PDB file of N, CA and C in Angstrom:
ATOM      1  N   MET A   1      46.501  37.441  -2.027  1.00  0.00           N
ATOM      2  CA  MET A   1      46.910  36.190  -1.436  1.00  0.00           C
ATOM      3  C   MET A   1      45.667  35.428  -1.004  1.00  0.00           C
ATOM      4  N   GLU A   2      45.673  34.152  -1.324  1.00  0.00           N
ATOM      5  CA  GLU A   2      44.480  33.357  -1.042  1.00  0.00           C
ATOM      6  C   GLU A   2      44.760  32.107  -0.227  1.00  0.00           C
ATOM      7  N   THR A   3      46.005  31.628  -0.235  1.00  0.00           N
ATOM      8  CA  THR A   3      46.293  30.351   0.418  1.00  0.00           C
ATOM      9  C   THR A   3      47.411  30.489   1.450  1.00  0.00           C
ATOM     10  N   LYS A   4      47.507  29.470   2.275  1.00  0.00           N
ATOM     11  CA  LYS A   4      48.592  29.393   3.251  1.00  0.00           C
ATOM     12  C   LYS A   4      49.936  29.388   2.519  1.00  0.00           C
ATOM     13  N   SER A   5      49.993  28.656   1.431  1.00  0.00           N
ATOM     14  CA  SER A   5      51.216  28.582   0.628  1.00  0.00           C
ATOM     15  C   SER A   5      51.620  29.946   0.078  1.00  0.00           C
ATOM     16  N   ASP A   6      50.634  30.749  -0.350  1.00  0.00           N
ATOM     17  CA  ASP A   6      50.913  32.112  -0.843  1.00  0.00           C
ATOM     18  C   ASP A   6      51.590  32.941   0.247  1.00  0.00           C
ATOM     19  N   LEU A   7      51.069  32.860   1.478  1.00  0.00           N
ATOM     20  CA  LEU A   7      51.639  33.628   2.593  1.00  0.00           C
ATOM     21  C   LEU A   7      53.067  33.174   2.899  1.00  0.00           C
ATOM     22  N   ILE A   8      53.267  31.862   2.975  1.00  0.00           N
ATOM     23  CA  ILE A   8      54.595  31.336   3.273  1.00  0.00           C
ATOM     24  C   ILE A   8      55.587  31.766   2.208  1.00  0.00           C
ATOM     25  N   THR A   9      55.208  31.609   0.954  1.00  0.00           N
ATOM     26  CA  THR A   9      56.089  31.983  -0.161  1.00  0.00           C
ATOM     27  C   THR A   9      56.461  33.458  -0.088  1.00  0.00           C
ATOM     28  N   TYR A  10      55.481  34.318   0.166  1.00  0.00           N
ATOM     29  CA  TYR A  10      55.774  35.750   0.254  1.00  0.00           C
ATOM     30  C   TYR A  10      56.685  36.051   1.444  1.00  0.00           C
ATOM     31  N   CYS A  11      56.387  35.513   2.604  1.00  0.00           N
ATOM     32  CA  CYS A  11      57.202  35.787   3.799  1.00  0.00           C
ATOM     33  C   CYS A  11      58.650  35.339   3.601  1.00  0.00           C
ATOM     34  N   LEU A  12      58.854  34.268   2.864  1.00  0.00           N
ATOM     35  CA  LEU A  12      60.212  33.760   2.642  1.00  0.00           C
ATOM     36  C   LEU A  12      61.024  34.619   1.678  1.00  0.00           C
ATOM     37  N   THR A  13      60.404  35.649   1.091  1.00  0.00           N
ATOM     38  CA  THR A  13      61.165  36.566   0.235  1.00  0.00           C
ATOM     39  C   THR A  13      61.975  37.571   1.055  1.00  0.00           C
ATOM     40  N   TYR A  14      61.684  37.658   2.349  1.00  0.00           N
ATOM     41  CA  TYR A  14      62.419  38.581   3.217  1.00  0.00           C
ATOM     42  C   TYR A  14      63.799  38.009   3.530  1.00  0.00           C
ATOM     43  N   LYS A  15      64.721  38.902   3.792  1.00  0.00           N
ATOM     44  CA  LYS A  15      66.115  38.525   4.015  1.00  0.00           C
ATOM     45  C   LYS A  15      66.301  37.777   5.345  1.00  0.00           C
ATOM     46  N   ASP A  16      67.097  36.716   5.296  1.00  0.00           N
ATOM     47  CA  ASP A  16      67.520  35.966   6.487  1.00  0.00           C
ATOM     48  C   ASP A  16      66.359  35.472   7.343  1.00  0.00           C
ATOM     49  N   VAL A  17      65.410  34.819   6.706  1.00  0.00           N
ATOM     50  CA  VAL A  17      64.281  34.228   7.422  1.00  0.00           C
ATOM     51  C   VAL A  17      64.178  32.750   7.070  1.00  0.00           C
ATOM     52  N   TYR A  18      63.435  32.024   7.882  1.00  0.00           N
ATOM     53  CA  TYR A  18      63.198  30.614   7.577  1.00  0.00           C
ATOM     54  C   TYR A  18      61.837  30.166   8.096  1.00  0.00           C
ATOM     55  N   GLU A  19      61.358  29.087   7.524  1.00  0.00           N
ATOM     56  CA  GLU A  19      60.073  28.484   7.850  1.00  0.00           C
ATOM     57  C   GLU A  19      60.289  27.462   8.963  1.00  0.00           C
ATOM     58  N   ASP A  20      59.373  27.419   9.941  1.00  0.00           N
ATOM     59  CA  ASP A  20      59.508  26.510  11.053  1.00  0.00           C
ATOM     60  C   ASP A  20      58.132  25.943  11.419  1.00  0.00           C
ATOM     61  N   TYR A  21      58.139  24.736  11.982  1.00  0.00           N
ATOM     62  CA  TYR A  21      56.923  24.065  12.437  1.00  0.00           C
ATOM     63  C   TYR A  21      57.150  23.627  13.881  1.00  0.00           C
ATOM     64  N   PRO A  22      57.008  24.545  14.847  1.00  0.00           N
ATOM     65  CA  PRO A  22      57.386  24.250  16.227  1.00  0.00           C
ATOM     66  C   PRO A  22      56.359  23.451  17.037  1.00  0.00           C
ATOM     67  N   PHE A  23      55.186  23.226  16.480  1.00  0.00           N
ATOM     68  CA  PHE A  23      54.127  22.554  17.222  1.00  0.00           C
ATOM     69  C   PHE A  23      53.826  21.184  16.623  1.00  0.00           C
ATOM     70  N   ARG A  24      53.200  20.341  17.393  1.00  0.00           N
ATOM     71  CA  ARG A  24      52.782  19.030  16.875  1.00  0.00           C
ATOM     72  C   ARG A  24      51.760  19.183  15.760  1.00  0.00           C
ATOM     73  N   ASP A  25      50.976  20.244  15.831  1.00  0.00           N
ATOM     74  CA  ASP A  25      49.968  20.543  14.816  1.00  0.00           C
ATOM     75  C   ASP A  25      50.659  21.229  13.644  1.00  0.00           C
ATOM     76  N   HIS A  26      50.856  20.504  12.556  1.00  0.00           N
ATOM     77  CA  HIS A  26      51.570  21.070  11.412  1.00  0.00           C
ATOM     78  C   HIS A  26      50.724  22.041  10.592  1.00  0.00           C
ATOM     79  N   GLU A  27      49.525  22.340  11.068  1.00  0.00           N
ATOM     80  CA  GLU A  27      48.737  23.401  10.437  1.00  0.00           C
ATOM     81  C   GLU A  27      49.334  24.771  10.761  1.00  0.00           C
ATOM     82  N   TRP A  28      50.151  24.823  11.808  1.00  0.00           N
ATOM     83  CA  TRP A  28      50.788  26.072  12.228  1.00  0.00           C
ATOM     84  C   TRP A  28      52.196  26.158  11.648  1.00  0.00           C
ATOM     85  N   THR A  29      52.421  27.199  10.857  1.00  0.00           N
ATOM     86  CA  THR A  29      53.742  27.491  10.318  1.00  0.00           C
ATOM     87  C   THR A  29      54.167  28.830  10.895  1.00  0.00           C
ATOM     88  N   VAL A  30      55.412  28.938  11.317  1.00  0.00           N
ATOM     89  CA  VAL A  30      55.918  30.244  11.729  1.00  0.00           C
ATOM     90  C   VAL A  30      57.082  30.607  10.827  1.00  0.00           C
ATOM     91  N   ILE A  31      57.226  31.892  10.587  1.00  0.00           N
ATOM     92  CA  ILE A  31      58.364  32.402   9.819  1.00  0.00           C
ATOM     93  C   ILE A  31      59.210  33.203  10.793  1.00  0.00           C
ATOM     94  N   ARG A  32      60.473  32.821  10.913  1.00  0.00           N
ATOM     95  CA  ARG A  32      61.382  33.405  11.896  1.00  0.00           C
ATOM     96  C   ARG A  32      62.543  34.124  11.242  1.00  0.00           C
ATOM     97  N   HIS A  33      63.097  35.065  11.996  1.00  0.00           N
ATOM     98  CA  HIS A  33      64.366  35.691  11.626  1.00  0.00           C
ATOM     99  C   HIS A  33      65.471  34.682  11.927  1.00  0.00           C
ATOM    100  N   ARG A  34      66.403  34.544  11.026  1.00  0.00           N
ATOM    101  CA  ARG A  34      67.498  33.602  11.227  1.00  0.00           C
ATOM    102  C   ARG A  34      68.398  34.029  12.387  1.00  0.00           C
ATOM    103  N   GLY A  35      68.659  35.326  12.522  1.00  0.00           N
ATOM    104  CA  GLY A  35      69.591  35.815  13.539  1.00  0.00           C
ATOM    105  C   GLY A  35      69.097  35.694  14.966  1.00  0.00           C
ATOM    106  N   ASN A  36      67.893  36.167  15.226  1.00  0.00           N
ATOM    107  CA  ASN A  36      67.389  36.174  16.612  1.00  0.00           C
ATOM    108  C   ASN A  36      66.294  35.129  16.863  1.00  0.00           C
ATOM    109  N   LYS A  37      65.896  34.427  15.827  1.00  0.00           N
ATOM    110  CA  LYS A  37      64.884  33.364  15.892  1.00  0.00           C
ATOM    111  C   LYS A  37      63.490  33.849  16.300  1.00  0.00           C
ATOM    112  N   ARG A  38      63.294  35.156  16.299  1.00  0.00           N
ATOM    113  CA  ARG A  38      61.971  35.704  16.638  1.00  0.00           C
ATOM    114  C   ARG A  38      61.003  35.486  15.483  1.00  0.00           C
ATOM    115  N   VAL A  39      59.762  35.217  15.834  1.00  0.00           N
ATOM    116  CA  VAL A  39      58.710  34.980  14.846  1.00  0.00           C
ATOM    117  C   VAL A  39      58.126  36.319  14.400  1.00  0.00           C
ATOM    118  N   PHE A  40      57.960  36.488  13.078  1.00  0.00           N
ATOM    119  CA  PHE A  40      57.257  37.681  12.603  1.00  0.00           C
ATOM    120  C   PHE A  40      55.941  37.326  11.910  1.00  0.00           C
ATOM    121  N   ALA A  41      55.716  36.039  11.612  1.00  0.00           N
ATOM    122  CA  ALA A  41      54.451  35.628  11.001  1.00  0.00           C
ATOM    123  C   ALA A  41      54.057  34.242  11.511  1.00  0.00           C
ATOM    124  N   TRP A  42      52.850  34.149  12.028  1.00  0.00           N
ATOM    125  CA  TRP A  42      52.257  32.876  12.465  1.00  0.00           C
ATOM    126  C   TRP A  42      51.171  32.574  11.434  1.00  0.00           C
ATOM    127  N   ILE A  43      51.320  31.511  10.679  1.00  0.00           N
ATOM    128  CA  ILE A  43      50.393  31.209   9.587  1.00  0.00           C
ATOM    129  C   ILE A  43      49.695  29.890   9.909  1.00  0.00           C
ATOM    130  N   TYR A  44      48.359  29.883   9.813  1.00  0.00           N
ATOM    131  CA  TYR A  44      47.596  28.698  10.223  1.00  0.00           C
ATOM    132  C   TYR A  44      46.194  28.731   9.629  1.00  0.00           C
ATOM    133  N   ARG A  45      45.491  27.623   9.782  1.00  0.00           N
ATOM    134  CA  ARG A  45      44.083  27.542   9.420  1.00  0.00           C
ATOM    135  C   ARG A  45      43.273  27.477  10.705  1.00  0.00           C
ATOM    136  N   ARG A  46      42.190  28.225  10.730  1.00  0.00           N
ATOM    137  CA  ARG A  46      41.308  28.217  11.891  1.00  0.00           C
ATOM    138  C   ARG A  46      39.876  28.372  11.401  1.00  0.00           C
ATOM    139  N   GLU A  47      39.038  27.475  11.836  1.00  0.00           N
ATOM    140  CA  GLU A  47      37.621  27.493  11.442  1.00  0.00           C
ATOM    141  C   GLU A  47      37.455  27.579   9.926  1.00  0.00           C
ATOM    142  N   GLY A  48      38.288  26.819   9.222  1.00  0.00           N
ATOM    143  CA  GLY A  48      38.189  26.746   7.765  1.00  0.00           C
ATOM    144  C   GLY A  48      38.791  27.912   7.004  1.00  0.00           C
ATOM    145  N   GLN A  49      39.411  28.859   7.710  1.00  0.00           N
ATOM    146  CA  GLN A  49      39.992  30.020   7.037  1.00  0.00           C
ATOM    147  C   GLN A  49      41.495  30.097   7.301  1.00  0.00           C
ATOM    148  N   VAL A  50      42.215  30.599   6.308  1.00  0.00           N
ATOM    149  CA  VAL A  50      43.652  30.815   6.464  1.00  0.00           C
ATOM    150  C   VAL A  50      43.850  32.146   7.178  1.00  0.00           C
ATOM    151  N   CYS A  51      44.734  32.133   8.183  1.00  0.00           N
ATOM    152  CA  CYS A  51      44.997  33.325   8.990  1.00  0.00           C
ATOM    153  C   CYS A  51      46.500  33.538   9.120  1.00  0.00           C
ATOM    154  N   ILE A  52      46.874  34.781   9.372  1.00  0.00           N
ATOM    155  CA  ILE A  52      48.257  35.114   9.671  1.00  0.00           C
ATOM    156  C   ILE A  52      48.260  36.117  10.825  1.00  0.00           C
ATOM    157  N   ASN A  53      49.049  35.824  11.844  1.00  0.00           N
ATOM    158  CA  ASN A  53      49.226  36.753  12.963  1.00  0.00           C
ATOM    159  C   ASN A  53      50.480  37.576  12.688  1.00  0.00           C
ATOM    160  N   LEU A  54      50.343  38.891  12.849  1.00  0.00           N
ATOM    161  CA  LEU A  54      51.431  39.817  12.553  1.00  0.00           C
ATOM    162  C   LEU A  54      51.583  40.842  13.661  1.00  0.00           C
ATOM    163  N   LYS A  55      52.828  41.126  14.011  1.00  0.00           N
ATOM    164  CA  LYS A  55      53.094  42.163  15.012  1.00  0.00           C
ATOM    165  C   LYS A  55      52.811  43.515  14.379  1.00  0.00           C
ATOM    166  N   CYS A  56      52.322  44.429  15.207  1.00  0.00           N
ATOM    167  CA  CYS A  56      51.924  45.734  14.701  1.00  0.00           C
ATOM    168  C   CYS A  56      52.310  46.807  15.717  1.00  0.00           C
ATOM    169  N   ALA A  57      52.741  47.948  15.233  1.00  0.00           N
ATOM    170  CA  ALA A  57      53.029  49.068  16.126  1.00  0.00           C
ATOM    171  C   ALA A  57      51.732  49.452  16.836  1.00  0.00           C
ATOM    172  N   PRO A  58      51.804  49.687  18.138  1.00  0.00           N
ATOM    173  CA  PRO A  58      50.572  49.965  18.907  1.00  0.00           C
ATOM    174  C   PRO A  58      49.697  51.074  18.325  1.00  0.00           C
ATOM    175  N   GLN A  59      50.299  52.081  17.730  1.00  0.00           N
ATOM    176  CA  GLN A  59      49.500  53.180  17.180  1.00  0.00           C
ATOM    177  C   GLN A  59      48.719  52.777  15.919  1.00  0.00           C
ATOM    178  N   TRP A  60      49.039  51.609  15.326  1.00  0.00           N
ATOM    179  CA  TRP A  60      48.354  51.147  14.127  1.00  0.00           C
ATOM    180  C   TRP A  60      47.365  50.006  14.386  1.00  0.00           C
ATOM    181  N   ILE A  61      47.414  49.417  15.569  1.00  0.00           N
ATOM    182  CA  ILE A  61      46.571  48.258  15.881  1.00  0.00           C
ATOM    183  C   ILE A  61      45.094  48.531  15.571  1.00  0.00           C
ATOM    184  N   GLU A  62      44.548  49.565  16.168  1.00  0.00           N
ATOM    185  CA  GLU A  62      43.127  49.865  15.996  1.00  0.00           C
ATOM    186  C   GLU A  62      42.802  50.348  14.585  1.00  0.00           C
ATOM    187  N   PHE A  63      43.742  51.044  13.948  1.00  0.00           N
ATOM    188  CA  PHE A  63      43.512  51.492  12.573  1.00  0.00           C
ATOM    189  C   PHE A  63      43.178  50.307  11.674  1.00  0.00           C
ATOM    190  N   TRP A  64      44.036  49.268  11.708  1.00  0.00           N
ATOM    191  CA  TRP A  64      43.825  48.097  10.852  1.00  0.00           C
ATOM    192  C   TRP A  64      42.549  47.355  11.226  1.00  0.00           C
ATOM    193  N   ARG A  65      42.264  47.248  12.504  1.00  0.00           N
ATOM    194  CA  ARG A  65      41.058  46.531  12.937  1.00  0.00           C
ATOM    195  C   ARG A  65      39.785  47.244  12.501  1.00  0.00           C
ATOM    196  N   LYS A  66      39.813  48.562  12.503  1.00  0.00           N
ATOM    197  CA  LYS A  66      38.640  49.335  12.074  1.00  0.00           C
ATOM    198  C   LYS A  66      38.532  49.405  10.561  1.00  0.00           C
ATOM    199  N   ALA A  67      39.668  49.354   9.865  1.00  0.00           N
ATOM    200  CA  ALA A  67      39.671  49.484   8.408  1.00  0.00           C
ATOM    201  C   ALA A  67      39.115  48.243   7.707  1.00  0.00           C
ATOM    202  N   TYR A  68      39.372  47.054   8.273  1.00  0.00           N
ATOM    203  CA  TYR A  68      38.991  45.813   7.597  1.00  0.00           C
ATOM    204  C   TYR A  68      38.372  44.815   8.575  1.00  0.00           C
ATOM    205  N   SER A  69      37.277  44.221   8.164  1.00  0.00           N
ATOM    206  CA  SER A  69      36.618  43.214   9.008  1.00  0.00           C
ATOM    207  C   SER A  69      37.491  41.970   9.195  1.00  0.00           C
ATOM    208  N   GLY A  70      38.418  41.731   8.266  1.00  0.00           N
ATOM    209  CA  GLY A  70      39.299  40.570   8.347  1.00  0.00           C
ATOM    210  C   GLY A  70      40.514  40.767   9.233  1.00  0.00           C
ATOM    211  N   VAL A  71      40.623  41.910   9.895  1.00  0.00           N
ATOM    212  CA  VAL A  71      41.732  42.148  10.832  1.00  0.00           C
ATOM    213  C   VAL A  71      41.141  42.167  12.233  1.00  0.00           C
ATOM    214  N   ARG A  72      41.669  41.269  13.063  1.00  0.00           N
ATOM    215  CA  ARG A  72      41.134  41.074  14.410  1.00  0.00           C
ATOM    216  C   ARG A  72      42.260  41.055  15.434  1.00  0.00           C
ATOM    217  N   PRO A  73      41.922  41.140  16.707  1.00  0.00           N
ATOM    218  CA  PRO A  73      42.974  41.009  17.731  1.00  0.00           C
ATOM    219  C   PRO A  73      43.715  39.679  17.573  1.00  0.00           C
ATOM    220  N   GLY A  74      45.006  39.690  17.835  1.00  0.00           N
ATOM    221  CA  GLY A  74      45.862  38.526  17.630  1.00  0.00           C
ATOM    222  C   GLY A  74      45.386  37.276  18.353  1.00  0.00           C
ATOM    223  N   TYR A  75      45.157  36.217  17.602  1.00  0.00           N
ATOM    224  CA  TYR A  75      44.715  34.940  18.156  1.00  0.00           C
ATOM    225  C   TYR A  75      45.878  34.293  18.905  1.00  0.00           C
ATOM    226  N   HIS A  76      45.680  34.027  20.188  1.00  0.00           N
ATOM    227  CA  HIS A  76      46.667  33.393  21.078  1.00  0.00           C
ATOM    228  C   HIS A  76      47.917  34.239  21.296  1.00  0.00           C
ATOM    229  N   LEU A  77      47.853  35.533  21.044  1.00  0.00           N
ATOM    230  CA  LEU A  77      49.007  36.420  21.243  1.00  0.00           C
ATOM    231  C   LEU A  77      48.547  37.690  21.956  1.00  0.00           C
ATOM    232  N   ASN A  78      49.506  38.519  22.348  1.00  0.00           N
ATOM    233  CA  ASN A  78      49.217  39.778  23.028  1.00  0.00           C
ATOM    234  C   ASN A  78      48.392  40.676  22.103  1.00  0.00           C
ATOM    235  N   LYS A  79      47.183  40.980  22.518  1.00  0.00           N
ATOM    236  CA  LYS A  79      46.243  41.750  21.692  1.00  0.00           C
ATOM    237  C   LYS A  79      46.664  43.208  21.498  1.00  0.00           C
ATOM    238  N   LYS A  80      47.603  43.681  22.325  1.00  0.00           N
ATOM    239  CA  LYS A  80      48.078  45.065  22.199  1.00  0.00           C
ATOM    240  C   LYS A  80      49.150  45.202  21.121  1.00  0.00           C
ATOM    241  N   HIS A  81      49.742  44.078  20.716  1.00  0.00           N
ATOM    242  CA  HIS A  81      50.864  44.139  19.779  1.00  0.00           C
ATOM    243  C   HIS A  81      50.697  43.269  18.536  1.00  0.00           C
ATOM    244  N   TRP A  82      49.668  42.412  18.515  1.00  0.00           N
ATOM    245  CA  TRP A  82      49.509  41.481  17.395  1.00  0.00           C
ATOM    246  C   TRP A  82      48.090  41.541  16.848  1.00  0.00           C
ATOM    247  N   ASN A  83      47.994  41.461  15.519  1.00  0.00           N
ATOM    248  CA  ASN A  83      46.719  41.346  14.831  1.00  0.00           C
ATOM    249  C   ASN A  83      46.670  40.022  14.090  1.00  0.00           C
ATOM    250  N   THR A  84      45.485  39.492  13.951  1.00  0.00           N
ATOM    251  CA  THR A  84      45.237  38.348  13.079  1.00  0.00           C
ATOM    252  C   THR A  84      44.579  38.876  11.823  1.00  0.00           C
ATOM    253  N   VAL A  85      45.133  38.501  10.673  1.00  0.00           N
ATOM    254  CA  VAL A  85      44.538  38.854   9.386  1.00  0.00           C
ATOM    255  C   VAL A  85      43.954  37.568   8.806  1.00  0.00           C
ATOM    256  N   VAL A  86      42.657  37.590   8.539  1.00  0.00           N
ATOM    257  CA  VAL A  86      41.958  36.447   7.964  1.00  0.00           C
ATOM    258  C   VAL A  86      41.902  36.647   6.454  1.00  0.00           C
ATOM    259  N   LEU A  87      42.308  35.633   5.711  1.00  0.00           N
ATOM    260  CA  LEU A  87      42.258  35.728   4.249  1.00  0.00           C
ATOM    261  C   LEU A  87      40.839  35.444   3.771  1.00  0.00           C
ATOM    262  N   ASP A  88      39.979  36.425   3.990  1.00  0.00           N
ATOM    263  CA  ASP A  88      38.572  36.298   3.593  1.00  0.00           C
ATOM    264  C   ASP A  88      38.221  37.214   2.430  1.00  0.00           C
ATOM    265  N   GLY A  89      39.237  37.866   1.867  1.00  0.00           N
ATOM    266  CA  GLY A  89      39.009  38.766   0.737  1.00  0.00           C
ATOM    267  C   GLY A  89      38.747  40.201   1.145  1.00  0.00           C
ATOM    268  N   SER A  90      38.630  40.479   2.439  1.00  0.00           N
ATOM    269  CA  SER A  90      38.319  41.845   2.875  1.00  0.00           C
ATOM    270  C   SER A  90      39.558  42.747   2.955  1.00  0.00           C
ATOM    271  N   VAL A  91      40.748  42.153   3.019  1.00  0.00           N
ATOM    272  CA  VAL A  91      41.982  42.939   3.135  1.00  0.00           C
ATOM    273  C   VAL A  91      42.759  42.827   1.826  1.00  0.00           C
ATOM    274  N   PRO A  92      43.007  43.944   1.141  1.00  0.00           N
ATOM    275  CA  PRO A  92      43.761  43.894  -0.117  1.00  0.00           C
ATOM    276  C   PRO A  92      45.181  43.360   0.090  1.00  0.00           C
ATOM    277  N   ASP A  93      45.685  42.665  -0.925  1.00  0.00           N
ATOM    278  CA  ASP A  93      47.030  42.092  -0.851  1.00  0.00           C
ATOM    279  C   ASP A  93      48.093  43.114  -0.485  1.00  0.00           C
ATOM    280  N   GLU A  94      47.994  44.318  -1.039  1.00  0.00           N
ATOM    281  CA  GLU A  94      49.036  45.315  -0.749  1.00  0.00           C
ATOM    282  C   GLU A  94      49.062  45.690   0.731  1.00  0.00           C
ATOM    283  N   ASP A  95      47.904  45.680   1.389  1.00  0.00           N
ATOM    284  CA  ASP A  95      47.874  45.972   2.826  1.00  0.00           C
ATOM    285  C   ASP A  95      48.361  44.779   3.648  1.00  0.00           C
ATOM    286  N   ILE A  96      48.059  43.567   3.199  1.00  0.00           N
ATOM    287  CA  ILE A  96      48.606  42.385   3.878  1.00  0.00           C
ATOM    288  C   ILE A  96      50.124  42.421   3.795  1.00  0.00           C
ATOM    289  N   LYS A  97      50.655  42.715   2.627  1.00  0.00           N
ATOM    290  CA  LYS A  97      52.107  42.784   2.447  1.00  0.00           C
ATOM    291  C   LYS A  97      52.709  43.900   3.296  1.00  0.00           C
ATOM    292  N   ARG A  98      52.029  45.005   3.395  1.00  0.00           N
ATOM    293  CA  ARG A  98      52.509  46.113   4.236  1.00  0.00           C
ATOM    294  C   ARG A  98      52.586  45.682   5.702  1.00  0.00           C
ATOM    295  N   MET A  99      51.547  44.981   6.172  1.00  0.00           N
ATOM    296  CA  MET A  99      51.539  44.516   7.563  1.00  0.00           C
ATOM    297  C   MET A  99      52.617  43.452   7.802  1.00  0.00           C
ATOM    298  N   ILE A 100      52.852  42.594   6.827  1.00  0.00           N
ATOM    299  CA  ILE A 100      53.923  41.601   6.946  1.00  0.00           C
ATOM    300  C   ILE A 100      55.268  42.303   7.057  1.00  0.00           C
ATOM    301  N   GLY A 101      55.497  43.314   6.226  1.00  0.00           N
ATOM    302  CA  GLY A 101      56.754  44.072   6.269  1.00  0.00           C
ATOM    303  C   GLY A 101      56.960  44.773   7.602  1.00  0.00           C
ATOM    304  N   GLU A 102      55.892  45.327   8.147  1.00  0.00           N
ATOM    305  CA  GLU A 102      55.992  45.995   9.439  1.00  0.00           C
ATOM    306  C   GLU A 102      56.316  44.985  10.542  1.00  0.00           C
ATOM    307  N   SER A 103      55.676  43.818  10.496  1.00  0.00           N
ATOM    308  CA  SER A 103      55.942  42.792  11.489  1.00  0.00           C
ATOM    309  C   SER A 103      57.397  42.325  11.398  1.00  0.00           C
ATOM    310  N   TYR A 104      57.876  42.162  10.186  1.00  0.00           N
ATOM    311  CA  TYR A 104      59.280  41.779   9.966  1.00  0.00           C
ATOM    312  C   TYR A 104      60.214  42.816  10.600  1.00  0.00           C
ATOM    313  N   ASP A 105      59.940  44.087  10.351  1.00  0.00           N
ATOM    314  CA  ASP A 105      60.779  45.164  10.899  1.00  0.00           C
ATOM    315  C   ASP A 105      60.710  45.216  12.424  1.00  0.00           C
ATOM    316  N   LEU A 106      59.525  45.060  12.987  1.00  0.00           N
ATOM    317  CA  LEU A 106      59.344  45.169  14.438  1.00  0.00           C
ATOM    318  C   LEU A 106      59.992  44.016  15.211  1.00  0.00           C
ATOM    319  N   THR A 107      60.151  42.880  14.575  1.00  0.00           N
ATOM    320  CA  THR A 107      60.702  41.712  15.263  1.00  0.00           C
ATOM    321  C   THR A 107      62.148  41.438  14.900  1.00  0.00           C
ATOM    322  N   GLY A 108      62.712  42.297  14.080  1.00  0.00           N
ATOM    323  CA  GLY A 108      64.092  42.098  13.625  1.00  0.00           C
ATOM    324  C   GLY A 108      65.121  42.321  14.699  1.00  0.00           C
ATOM    325  N   ASP A 109      66.358  42.392  14.294  1.00  0.00           N
ATOM    326  CA  ASP A 109      67.493  42.528  15.192  1.00  0.00           C
ATOM    327  C   ASP A 109      67.372  43.801  16.033  1.00  0.00           C
ATOM    328  N   CYS A 110      67.235  43.626  17.333  1.00  0.00           N
ATOM    329  CA  CYS A 110      67.054  44.757  18.260  1.00  0.00           C
ATOM    330  C   CYS A 110      68.255  45.697  18.264  1.00  0.00           C
ATOM    331  N   SER A 111      69.451  45.177  18.040  1.00  0.00           N
ATOM    332  CA  SER A 111      70.633  46.039  18.065  1.00  0.00           C
ATOM    333  C   SER A 111      70.625  47.049  16.932  1.00  0.00           C
ATOM    334  N   LYS A 112      69.975  46.713  15.818  1.00  0.00           N
ATOM    335  CA  LYS A 112      69.897  47.639  14.689  1.00  0.00           C
ATOM    336  C   LYS A 112      68.912  48.767  14.950  1.00  0.00           C
ATOM    337  N   LYS A 113      67.949  48.532  15.857  1.00  0.00           N
ATOM    338  CA  LYS A 113      66.926  49.528  16.149  1.00  0.00           C
ATOM    339  C   LYS A 113      67.454  50.646  17.054  1.00  0.00           C
ATOM    340  N   ARG A 114      68.530  50.377  17.778  1.00  0.00           N
ATOM    341  CA  ARG A 114      69.015  51.348  18.762  1.00  0.00           C
ATOM    342  C   ARG A 114      69.786  52.470  18.142  1.00  0.00           C
TER     343      ARG A 114
END
């Protein structure tokens, strides 16, 4: 994945989600669950780079940050639960997709998790 559009297109392949622009700055796109309206992907440009913020299980936060230079603490989000992935070529697409899937699962319908 190389562009903001690539990320949005991929995230929209998940079931019962939609694209939203909740801020005046339309550089920020969020992908939400239709049922609970929770965000699982924050997609934006920052300092000339495309980024995506993704929720992560606490036991995996440091793993991803140590594995790839393009994975950093979540920009403008809780650093214990969110990572920012910078599309700088350092993170393989399959790992980006894996992190997107995990974020989708972690933010989904809470009643299904119980």
